[in-house]
Protein backbone atom coordinates (compact mmCIF):
# COMPACT_ATOMS: atom_id res chain seq x y z
CA MET A 1 285.14 18.72 227.01
CA GLY A 2 282.22 18.74 229.47
CA THR A 3 282.37 19.55 233.15
CA ALA A 4 282.42 16.54 235.49
CA PRO A 5 279.78 16.67 238.27
CA THR A 6 282.52 16.78 240.93
CA GLU A 7 283.89 19.98 239.38
CA VAL A 8 280.59 21.89 239.60
CA LEU A 9 280.60 24.39 242.44
CA ALA A 10 278.08 23.96 245.24
CA PHE A 11 277.72 27.74 245.41
CA PRO A 12 275.23 29.28 245.38
CA ASN A 13 273.15 26.81 247.37
CA ILE A 14 270.06 26.09 245.28
CA ARG A 15 266.97 24.07 246.28
CA ALA A 16 263.90 23.38 244.16
CA ILE A 17 260.86 22.33 246.22
CA VAL A 18 257.63 21.01 244.64
CA ARG A 19 254.76 20.26 247.04
CA ASP A 20 251.65 18.08 246.92
CA ASN A 21 249.42 21.18 247.19
CA ARG A 22 250.57 22.34 243.71
CA THR A 23 252.91 25.06 245.00
CA ALA A 24 256.65 25.26 244.47
CA GLU A 25 259.61 27.51 245.21
CA VAL A 26 263.25 27.79 244.22
CA ILE A 27 265.59 28.96 247.01
CA ILE A 28 268.85 30.48 245.77
CA ALA A 29 271.41 31.47 248.44
CA GLY A 30 268.60 31.77 250.99
CA ASN A 31 266.33 33.88 248.76
CA SER A 32 263.01 32.23 247.90
CA ARG A 33 261.48 32.64 244.46
CA VAL A 34 257.88 31.54 243.91
CA VAL A 35 257.50 29.18 240.97
CA PRO A 36 254.72 30.11 238.50
CA ALA A 37 251.69 27.88 238.90
CA GLY A 38 250.81 25.16 236.41
CA GLN A 39 247.95 22.76 235.78
CA SER A 40 249.95 19.77 237.00
CA LEU A 41 252.92 18.83 239.15
CA GLN A 42 254.94 18.33 235.98
CA ASP A 43 254.24 21.94 234.98
CA LEU A 44 255.58 23.06 238.36
CA ARG A 45 258.70 20.94 237.93
CA ASN A 46 259.35 22.45 234.51
CA ASN A 47 258.77 25.98 235.80
CA ALA A 48 261.12 25.38 238.75
CA LEU A 49 263.88 24.10 236.47
CA ALA A 50 263.38 27.14 234.24
CA LEU A 51 264.27 29.38 237.21
CA VAL A 52 267.36 27.30 237.93
CA LEU A 53 268.32 27.45 234.25
CA GLY A 54 268.08 31.23 234.43
CA GLU A 55 270.55 31.25 237.32
CA ALA A 56 272.96 29.02 235.38
CA ARG A 57 272.79 31.40 232.44
CA THR A 58 273.41 34.40 234.69
CA LEU A 59 276.49 32.72 236.18
CA GLN A 60 277.50 31.33 232.76
CA ARG A 61 278.36 27.97 234.28
CA PRO A 62 276.63 24.78 235.51
CA VAL A 63 274.94 24.88 238.93
CA ARG A 64 273.92 22.23 241.42
CA VAL A 65 270.32 22.04 242.60
CA ARG A 66 268.80 19.90 245.34
CA ILE A 67 265.32 18.74 244.36
CA GLU A 68 262.54 17.88 246.81
CA ASP A 69 259.43 16.44 245.25
CA PRO A 70 256.32 14.47 246.34
CA GLU A 71 257.90 11.42 244.69
CA GLY A 72 261.43 11.70 246.10
CA HIS A 73 264.54 13.85 246.38
CA GLY A 74 267.97 14.10 244.80
CA GLU A 75 270.46 16.37 243.09
CA LEU A 76 270.71 17.64 239.52
CA ILE A 77 273.29 19.66 237.59
CA VAL A 78 271.76 22.26 235.30
CA HIS A 79 273.87 23.68 232.46
CA PRO A 80 273.31 27.03 230.74
CA ASP A 81 272.67 25.19 227.44
CA HIS A 82 269.61 23.37 228.87
CA LYS A 83 271.53 20.14 229.53
CA ILE A 84 270.45 18.48 232.78
CA GLU A 85 272.35 15.69 234.55
CA SER A 86 271.22 13.55 237.47
CA VAL A 87 273.72 13.12 240.30
CA SER A 88 271.48 11.23 242.70
CA TYR A 89 267.83 10.37 243.25
CA GLN A 90 266.04 8.66 246.14
CA PRO A 91 262.34 7.73 245.87
CA ARG A 92 260.11 8.24 248.86
CA PRO A 93 260.55 5.30 251.27
CA ALA A 94 256.81 4.75 251.49
CA ARG A 95 256.67 3.99 247.78
CA ARG A 96 260.03 2.29 247.36
CA ARG A 97 258.60 -1.12 248.20
CA THR A 98 256.28 -1.06 245.19
CA GLU A 99 259.17 -0.33 242.87
CA THR A 100 261.42 -3.23 243.80
CA PRO A 101 260.87 -6.21 241.48
CA GLU A 102 259.76 -9.32 243.29
CA THR A 103 262.43 -11.31 241.50
CA THR A 104 265.35 -9.30 242.99
CA PRO A 105 267.53 -11.78 244.93
CA GLU A 106 267.90 -11.10 248.62
CA LYS A 107 271.31 -10.13 249.93
CA ALA A 108 272.97 -12.88 251.93
CA ALA A 109 273.71 -12.05 255.57
CA PRO A 110 277.45 -11.91 256.55
CA THR A 111 278.82 -15.12 258.02
CA ALA A 112 281.86 -15.98 260.11
CA THR A 113 283.72 -17.18 257.00
CA ASP A 114 282.59 -14.18 254.94
CA PRO A 115 282.91 -11.11 257.14
CA THR A 116 282.36 -8.62 254.30
CA PRO A 117 278.87 -7.13 254.71
CA ALA A 118 276.52 -7.11 251.71
CA ARG A 119 276.71 -3.84 249.80
CA GLU A 120 273.61 -1.63 249.87
CA PRO A 121 271.97 -0.54 246.59
CA GLY A 122 273.03 2.89 245.44
CA PRO A 123 273.89 5.08 242.45
CA VAL A 124 276.41 3.50 240.14
CA SER A 125 278.34 5.81 237.81
CA THR A 126 278.48 4.49 234.25
CA ALA A 127 280.27 7.46 232.68
CA PRO A 128 281.37 10.96 233.63
CA GLY A 129 278.23 12.98 234.34
CA ALA A 130 275.91 9.97 233.99
CA VAL A 131 274.31 7.97 236.77
CA CYS A 132 272.19 4.84 236.73
CA PHE A 133 270.32 3.37 239.67
CA ALA A 134 270.53 -0.35 240.20
CA PRO A 135 270.53 -2.71 243.19
CA ALA A 136 273.83 -4.24 244.14
CA THR A 137 274.22 -7.53 242.30
CA VAL A 138 274.51 -10.86 244.03
CA ASP A 139 276.61 -13.65 242.50
CA THR A 140 274.22 -16.54 242.11
CA GLN A 141 276.52 -18.59 239.86
CA ALA A 142 276.85 -22.12 241.25
CA ARG A 143 280.37 -22.91 242.41
CA PRO A 144 282.09 -26.21 241.57
CA GLY A 145 281.55 -28.83 244.24
CA PRO A 146 280.98 -32.52 244.78
CA ALA A 147 278.31 -34.12 242.70
CA SER A 148 274.90 -34.27 244.39
CA SER A 149 273.90 -37.64 245.71
CA ALA A 150 270.21 -36.69 245.80
CA GLU A 151 267.72 -38.96 244.06
CA PRO A 152 266.68 -37.77 240.57
CA ALA A 153 263.29 -36.04 240.35
CA PRO A 154 260.40 -38.44 239.62
CA ARG A 155 259.12 -38.59 236.06
CA ARG A 156 255.91 -36.67 235.32
CA PRO A 157 253.47 -36.82 232.38
CA LEU A 158 254.33 -34.37 229.58
CA ARG A 159 250.78 -33.02 229.56
CA GLU A 160 251.45 -31.55 233.02
CA ALA A 161 254.36 -29.45 231.79
CA GLY A 162 253.73 -25.72 231.66
CA SER A 163 255.07 -23.47 228.93
CA PHE A 164 258.82 -22.89 229.10
CA LEU A 165 258.15 -19.44 227.63
CA ALA A 166 256.18 -18.26 230.65
CA ALA A 167 257.83 -15.23 232.21
CA PRO A 168 256.77 -12.44 234.57
CA GLY A 169 255.42 -9.34 232.86
CA THR A 170 257.72 -6.37 232.52
CA VAL A 171 256.84 -2.82 233.53
CA GLU A 172 257.84 0.02 231.25
CA PRO A 173 259.87 2.78 232.91
CA ALA A 174 258.13 5.87 234.27
CA THR A 175 257.04 8.52 231.78
CA GLN A 176 255.40 10.91 234.24
CA GLY A 177 256.56 13.06 237.15
CA ILE A 178 260.12 13.56 238.24
CA ARG A 179 260.86 9.89 237.52
CA GLY A 180 259.78 10.32 233.91
CA MET A 181 261.89 13.46 233.63
CA LEU A 182 264.95 11.65 234.98
CA ASN A 183 264.32 8.74 232.62
CA THR A 184 264.67 11.11 229.66
CA MET A 185 268.26 11.62 230.89
CA GLY A 186 269.10 7.96 230.52
CA LEU A 187 267.83 6.42 233.77
CA SER A 188 265.26 3.67 234.03
CA LEU A 189 263.18 4.36 237.13
CA ALA A 190 260.00 2.42 237.79
CA PRO A 191 256.67 4.28 237.54
CA SER A 192 255.03 5.67 240.67
CA ALA A 193 251.89 4.16 242.16
CA ASP A 194 249.83 6.97 240.59
CA GLU A 195 251.22 6.27 237.13
CA LEU A 196 250.66 2.53 237.51
CA SER A 197 247.05 3.22 238.53
CA GLU A 198 246.53 5.40 235.46
CA ARG A 199 248.01 2.72 233.19
CA GLU A 200 245.58 0.17 234.63
CA ASP A 201 242.63 2.49 234.02
CA ILE A 202 243.76 2.99 230.41
CA ARG A 203 244.02 -0.77 229.98
CA LEU A 204 240.44 -1.21 231.18
CA ALA A 205 239.12 1.62 228.99
CA SER A 206 240.89 0.05 225.98
CA LYS A 207 239.51 -3.44 226.50
CA HIS A 208 237.70 -5.09 223.58
CA PHE A 209 234.81 -7.27 224.73
CA ALA A 210 233.41 -10.28 222.96
CA GLY A 211 230.17 -8.87 221.62
CA THR A 212 228.53 -5.47 221.96
CA ARG A 213 228.11 -3.87 225.38
CA THR A 214 225.42 -1.31 226.24
CA ILE A 215 225.72 1.34 228.97
CA ALA A 216 222.60 3.21 230.10
CA VAL A 217 223.09 6.64 231.70
CA VAL A 218 220.02 7.47 233.78
CA ASN A 219 218.61 9.91 236.32
CA GLN A 220 214.95 10.87 236.56
CA LYS A 221 215.82 14.53 237.13
CA GLY A 222 216.85 16.92 234.37
CA GLY A 223 220.08 18.85 234.82
CA SER A 224 221.77 15.94 236.58
CA ASN A 225 224.72 15.92 234.13
CA LYS A 226 223.56 12.98 232.00
CA THR A 227 224.65 14.43 228.65
CA PRO A 228 228.17 15.50 229.75
CA THR A 229 228.57 12.08 231.36
CA VAL A 230 227.67 10.31 228.11
CA ALA A 231 229.94 12.56 226.04
CA ASP A 232 232.96 12.29 228.33
CA LEU A 233 232.69 8.53 228.85
CA ALA A 234 232.28 8.07 225.09
CA ALA A 235 235.38 10.22 224.54
CA VAL A 236 237.49 8.14 226.94
CA PHE A 237 236.38 4.87 225.38
CA GLY A 238 236.63 6.29 221.85
CA ARG A 239 240.13 7.67 222.32
CA ASN A 240 241.36 4.43 223.85
CA GLY A 241 239.47 1.74 222.02
CA GLY A 242 237.30 3.03 219.21
CA SER A 243 234.00 1.71 217.79
CA VAL A 244 231.82 3.73 220.19
CA VAL A 245 228.44 5.34 219.62
CA ALA A 246 226.62 7.76 221.93
CA TRP A 247 222.88 7.33 221.34
CA ASP A 248 220.45 10.02 222.49
CA ASN A 249 217.50 7.86 223.50
CA ASN A 250 215.27 10.81 224.27
CA PRO A 251 211.53 11.09 223.50
CA THR A 252 211.92 14.77 222.62
CA THR A 253 214.84 16.86 221.36
CA GLY A 254 217.81 15.76 223.44
CA THR A 255 220.77 17.96 224.26
CA LEU A 256 223.45 15.47 223.15
CA GLY A 257 223.16 16.76 219.58
CA TRP A 258 223.52 20.36 220.76
CA ARG A 259 226.66 19.71 222.75
CA THR A 260 228.55 17.63 220.18
CA GLU A 261 229.78 18.13 216.62
CA GLN A 262 227.28 17.88 213.77
CA GLY A 263 228.18 16.06 210.59
CA ASP A 264 227.33 17.16 207.05
CA HIS A 265 223.71 16.02 207.47
CA THR A 266 220.82 16.33 209.94
CA ARG A 267 219.75 12.70 210.21
CA SER A 268 218.59 11.24 213.51
CA ALA A 269 217.39 8.01 215.09
CA LEU A 270 214.13 8.21 213.11
CA ASP A 271 216.09 8.02 209.85
CA VAL A 272 217.89 4.90 211.11
CA ILE A 273 214.53 3.29 211.86
CA ALA A 274 213.35 4.06 208.32
CA ALA A 275 216.54 2.59 206.80
CA ALA A 276 216.83 -0.35 209.23
CA ASP A 277 216.16 -3.08 206.66
CA ALA A 278 218.96 -1.85 204.40
CA LEU A 279 221.37 -1.31 207.31
CA LEU A 280 220.69 -4.81 208.66
CA SER A 281 220.88 -6.58 205.29
CA PRO A 282 223.77 -9.00 204.59
CA THR A 283 225.04 -6.70 201.83
CA ALA A 284 225.31 -3.64 204.09
CA ARG A 285 228.84 -2.29 204.56
CA SER A 286 230.39 -0.99 207.76
CA ALA A 287 230.63 2.55 206.37
CA ASP A 288 226.90 2.74 205.59
CA ILE A 289 226.11 3.86 209.13
CA ASN A 290 228.17 7.02 208.59
CA ALA A 291 225.26 8.56 206.69
CA PHE A 292 223.20 8.58 209.89
CA VAL A 293 225.60 9.36 212.73
CA HIS A 294 227.69 12.43 213.57
CA HIS A 295 231.40 11.76 214.02
CA GLN A 296 233.39 13.53 216.77
CA SER A 297 236.65 14.34 215.03
CA THR A 298 238.97 14.63 218.03
CA ASP A 299 237.22 12.37 220.54
CA LYS A 300 236.80 9.45 218.10
CA TYR A 301 233.19 8.42 218.72
CA ASP A 302 229.91 8.83 216.83
CA VAL A 303 226.62 10.40 217.96
CA LEU A 304 223.17 9.11 217.05
CA ARG A 305 220.93 12.10 217.62
CA SER A 306 217.33 12.13 218.76
CA ASP A 307 214.66 13.68 216.53
CA SER A 308 214.99 17.48 216.55
CA ASP A 309 211.92 18.30 214.44
CA VAL A 310 210.08 20.99 216.42
CA ASP A 311 206.70 20.04 214.94
CA GLY A 312 207.35 16.29 214.96
CA THR A 313 204.79 13.98 216.56
CA HIS A 314 206.46 10.58 216.31
CA GLU A 315 207.02 8.80 219.62
CA VAL A 316 209.59 6.01 219.60
CA THR A 317 208.09 2.70 220.69
CA ALA A 318 209.73 -0.15 222.58
CA GLU A 319 209.82 -2.18 219.35
CA GLU A 320 211.62 0.66 217.56
CA VAL A 321 214.20 0.80 220.36
CA ASP A 322 214.80 -2.89 219.65
CA ILE A 323 215.32 -2.11 215.95
CA LEU A 324 217.70 0.73 216.70
CA HIS A 325 219.66 -1.44 219.11
CA ARG A 326 220.02 -4.20 216.50
CA VAL A 327 221.38 -1.69 214.02
CA VAL A 328 223.92 0.00 216.27
CA SER A 329 224.97 -3.37 217.70
CA LYS A 330 225.93 -4.44 214.19
CA TYR A 331 228.19 -1.43 213.63
CA TYR A 332 229.64 -0.67 217.11
CA ARG A 333 231.22 -2.56 220.00
CA LEU A 334 230.20 -0.10 222.71
CA ILE A 335 226.89 1.76 223.02
CA LEU A 336 226.31 4.58 225.50
CA MET A 337 222.66 5.59 225.80
CA ASP A 338 221.65 9.03 226.99
CA SER A 339 218.10 9.15 228.31
CA GLY A 340 215.16 11.38 229.06
CA ASN A 341 213.64 11.98 232.47
CA ASN A 342 210.45 9.93 232.13
CA HIS A 343 211.23 6.56 233.67
CA ARG A 344 207.72 5.34 232.78
CA SER A 345 208.09 5.80 229.02
CA ALA A 346 208.46 2.85 226.65
CA GLU A 347 211.87 3.80 225.24
CA TRP A 348 213.31 4.40 228.73
CA ASN A 349 212.27 0.97 230.01
CA ARG A 350 213.34 -0.84 226.85
CA MET A 351 216.75 0.84 227.17
CA ILE A 352 217.06 -0.75 230.62
CA ASP A 353 216.20 -4.12 229.08
CA HIS A 354 219.17 -3.79 226.72
CA ALA A 355 221.63 -2.39 229.28
CA ASP A 356 224.67 -4.34 230.48
CA GLN A 357 225.84 -1.59 232.83
CA LEU A 358 224.08 1.27 234.59
CA VAL A 359 225.62 4.70 235.19
CA VAL A 360 223.79 7.16 237.43
CA PRO A 361 225.13 10.73 237.21
CA THR A 362 224.28 13.49 239.66
CA THR A 363 225.48 16.90 240.75
CA ASN A 364 225.74 17.98 244.40
CA GLU A 365 222.32 19.63 244.33
CA GLU A 366 219.94 18.02 246.79
CA ASP A 367 217.10 17.32 244.34
CA ARG A 368 219.47 15.71 241.80
CA VAL A 369 220.98 13.52 244.50
CA GLU A 370 217.52 12.45 245.67
CA ALA A 371 216.45 11.73 242.09
CA ALA A 372 219.51 9.53 241.60
CA LEU A 373 218.56 7.54 244.70
CA LEU A 374 214.93 7.21 243.55
CA THR A 375 216.10 6.02 240.12
CA LEU A 376 218.16 3.27 241.74
CA GLN A 377 215.36 2.30 244.12
CA GLY A 378 212.84 2.12 241.28
CA LEU A 379 215.08 -0.21 239.30
CA ASP A 380 215.70 -2.29 242.40
CA LEU A 381 211.95 -2.94 242.64
CA LYS A 382 211.24 -3.33 238.91
CA SER A 383 212.65 -6.81 238.26
CA GLU A 384 215.46 -9.14 239.28
CA ARG A 385 217.51 -8.09 236.26
CA SER A 386 217.13 -4.35 236.84
CA ALA A 387 217.86 -4.88 240.55
CA ARG A 388 221.19 -6.45 239.58
CA LEU A 389 221.90 -3.47 237.34
CA ALA A 390 221.17 -1.08 240.20
CA ALA A 391 223.38 -2.96 242.64
CA ASN A 392 226.20 -3.01 240.07
CA ALA A 393 225.75 0.64 239.11
CA VAL A 394 228.44 3.31 238.96
CA VAL A 395 227.42 6.67 240.40
CA ILE A 396 229.31 9.70 239.06
CA VAL A 397 229.15 12.85 241.18
CA SER A 398 230.02 15.98 239.18
CA GLU A 399 230.82 19.17 241.04
CA ARG A 400 228.46 21.93 239.94
CA GLN A 401 230.81 24.78 240.88
CA LYS A 402 234.14 25.51 242.55
CA GLY A 403 234.70 24.85 246.23
CA GLU A 404 232.51 21.74 246.50
CA VAL A 405 235.18 19.14 247.20
CA ARG A 406 233.92 18.36 250.69
CA LEU A 407 230.27 18.31 249.59
CA SER A 408 231.16 16.03 246.69
CA GLN A 409 232.83 13.51 248.99
CA GLU A 410 229.86 13.62 251.37
CA THR A 411 227.51 12.99 248.44
CA ALA A 412 229.66 10.12 247.18
CA ASP A 413 229.77 8.54 250.66
CA LYS A 414 225.96 8.43 250.74
CA PHE A 415 225.89 6.14 247.70
CA ARG A 416 228.91 3.92 248.42
CA PRO A 417 227.06 1.32 250.55
CA TYR A 418 224.47 0.70 247.83
CA VAL A 419 226.32 0.56 244.47
CA ARG A 420 229.47 -1.01 243.04
CA ASP A 421 231.50 2.18 242.64
CA VAL A 422 231.30 5.97 243.03
CA VAL A 423 233.58 8.48 241.28
CA VAL A 424 233.81 12.24 241.87
CA VAL A 425 234.52 14.54 238.92
CA PRO A 426 235.85 18.01 239.81
CA PHE A 427 234.31 21.22 238.54
CA ASP A 428 235.49 22.26 235.07
CA PRO A 429 234.33 25.41 233.28
CA ALA A 430 234.72 23.63 229.92
CA LEU A 431 231.70 21.47 230.83
CA LYS A 432 229.36 24.32 231.71
CA SER A 433 228.15 25.10 228.18
CA GLY A 434 228.94 24.72 224.50
CA GLN A 435 230.40 21.73 222.70
CA ILE A 436 232.05 19.15 224.92
CA ARG A 437 235.62 18.42 223.86
CA PHE A 438 237.63 16.11 226.06
CA GLY A 439 240.93 17.75 225.20
CA ALA A 440 239.67 21.11 226.51
CA LEU A 441 239.20 19.74 230.03
CA ARG A 442 241.69 20.27 232.84
CA PRO A 443 244.13 17.40 233.54
CA ALA A 444 242.44 16.56 236.85
CA THR A 445 239.04 16.40 235.12
CA ARG A 446 240.35 14.16 232.34
CA ARG A 447 241.90 11.86 234.94
CA ALA A 448 238.58 11.65 236.82
CA TRP A 449 236.71 10.70 233.64
CA LEU A 450 239.33 8.06 232.86
CA ARG A 451 238.81 6.70 236.36
CA SER A 452 235.04 6.72 235.74
CA ALA A 453 235.39 4.83 232.45
CA ALA A 454 237.59 2.22 234.12
CA ALA A 455 234.99 1.77 236.85
CA VAL A 456 232.32 1.24 234.18
CA ALA A 457 234.50 -1.19 232.23
CA ARG A 458 234.97 -3.37 235.30
CA GLY A 459 231.25 -4.10 235.20
CA LEU A 460 231.21 -5.11 231.54
């Protein structure tokens, strides 16, 4: 038989504390033990529980542990065999309001004829060693009484009736943080505000639009992070929705092909132009495009490379950009266009003509920031359509190196009054050089790119 929670000794006194600043400690009988660092708060939680588990094994019995976490506090019982039971859990008051369903009936105030006060919500034991959290129930069953003398409701036309199946949407229980961990033990806690925000960003990044959408990534200055921006946005959209192509619309050899996987061929945009009639014919099949693009195996998008012939002389014309756009529009739902630095060239300006959404990347370096501003100002003056693109643009500020959090926010604040949205992406060594693989990025970086993709999707 198992040990009931009430039988577990409260000695030694154990506390596990996880802080917002990504530090944690486990205090056992007044002695603090530093918890090994992790890449996320969940890593810290797991590492803290591992220390508590070690104490339970040493004592060869279950132990109690008080948990203090950015999302709430409570008490767990940790067994030497890895079993973990929840005794109590209280979310942070500041976030509790967002977790209470709007449909929860309000408790009736005590009256003179009913002096028993309404019971407060609290933990309700469903079995030895198991706890579920639920608000106290209120009996809303109508009691027998005299028939109502009220007039019957007036008749209304049937066409005015709404669906009887309409119901409020449900929210899946938390899967992240301490709430997600407790839910694996049989509870059903609502997700935190951070998890709800992430779910909404995923929903936006997964959205399928009616018709093809084109995103132009532009900055007149080289080294402004255009290629990593294209690759990471394409990865977010590809992983969540599919049918995405990253097109290197560069007059010379672009770097998108260098920083992504190469297929079993060397074909580029020039080969697509040459085969355009066949690819656009009614008999063309969806898989025919695979002979010309380079698939990214883990990030689930394709790359259309620019010409990499070192002795090539062909310059893509505006009309050829139109042909390429017709082809990729037939085979993909979402097109992300990398670009060169010459905003006066034909292919650059025709790219703007096809764009539905503008993304302007920059680092914190002063000349890149200024070039981003000049790019937006030039489009604002070019035409009414490009001015709308500039005003609706998303600026993505990527930290060039560690320790630039404050500078990044200052840079972002400069653009906020002039564009629709600004997102800051933290420094990540995995983006400095080599092939760009989304899964190799740090969790905070992946979250920032998801946030960026959601911001872009809102404009589509």
